[in-house]
């Protein structure tokens, strides 16, 4: 058989190839007249001081996503651990819709943040970005939950028992996205060590909850462990960030959307439980429209849209 290690060698080659394309910049920066040897040493030291905590942060982030699956077979004792883990993994695939949204946002938002770093109104921009990120991820959350009876056909019928973890995993992904939004304060002030602290503590919370509760509650504890881990990192980053790099986030407005989404989520859960798929989808569509209507009224007036906005102006 093929050695799985080849995947790592291929990744190494790909990364080295990407680095090669920066040969000109590296040559000018470290061997050209623009940077003396002593200056280069200072620059390298500064770069490593900035980047190594981000490496730790990244490792902790990967552990947050994979630790439960690694630990589960060793700590679950009530039945076939691998079968239960398969159910959990299959159900989590539906929740990955939120992970894709968050990842797309990250790729677009990070260059934007550093580009705005020197602007006078940058903090207000970050606050607005946070608000709209939460709003639209909550909308995506409601859409997935509302049509879960349809989306469940993505996975096999044997895995439907695990669908109860989908809202929990999606909520955890939203908090991970919020944590990512909050993370820029320590990057902008070159104090990335805080990111390592927050991610490490969040990872420790996740692992502890898995070890304590998985033997009794199974994979549902894995989902709640991720929720608690990301939630811990998010709250720590927010409260410390408000002291180190204050940003006036519209917390009250965001919480109104969160509470509204929770109320609608409860309604959707009940509809999915007591009605047929067709009727439940109809009810859930109306609930989604309630959220959308509130969004349009408060923060996204139709008259502001390009092209079609003129039809809504008085």
Foldseek 3Di string as FASTA:
>chain_A
DDDPCVVVVVVVVVVVVVVVVCVVVVCCDCPNPVADPVRVVVVVVLVCLLCPLVVLLVVLVVCLVCVLVVCQCVQADPDRSVVLSVLQVQLCVLLCVLVVVLVVCVVPVPVVLVVCLPPPCSLVVLLVVLLVLLLVLLLVLLVCLLQVVVVVVVDDPVSVVNNVLNSLQNLLSSLLSLLSSLQVLCSSVSNSNLSSVLSVQLSVQLNVQSNPPCRPPNCSSNSVSSSSSSVSSSVVSQVVCCVRPNGPHPVVVSVVLVVLSVVLSVVLVVLVVPHDSVVSSVVSVVSSVVSVVVCCVPPNPCLPDPPCNVVVDD
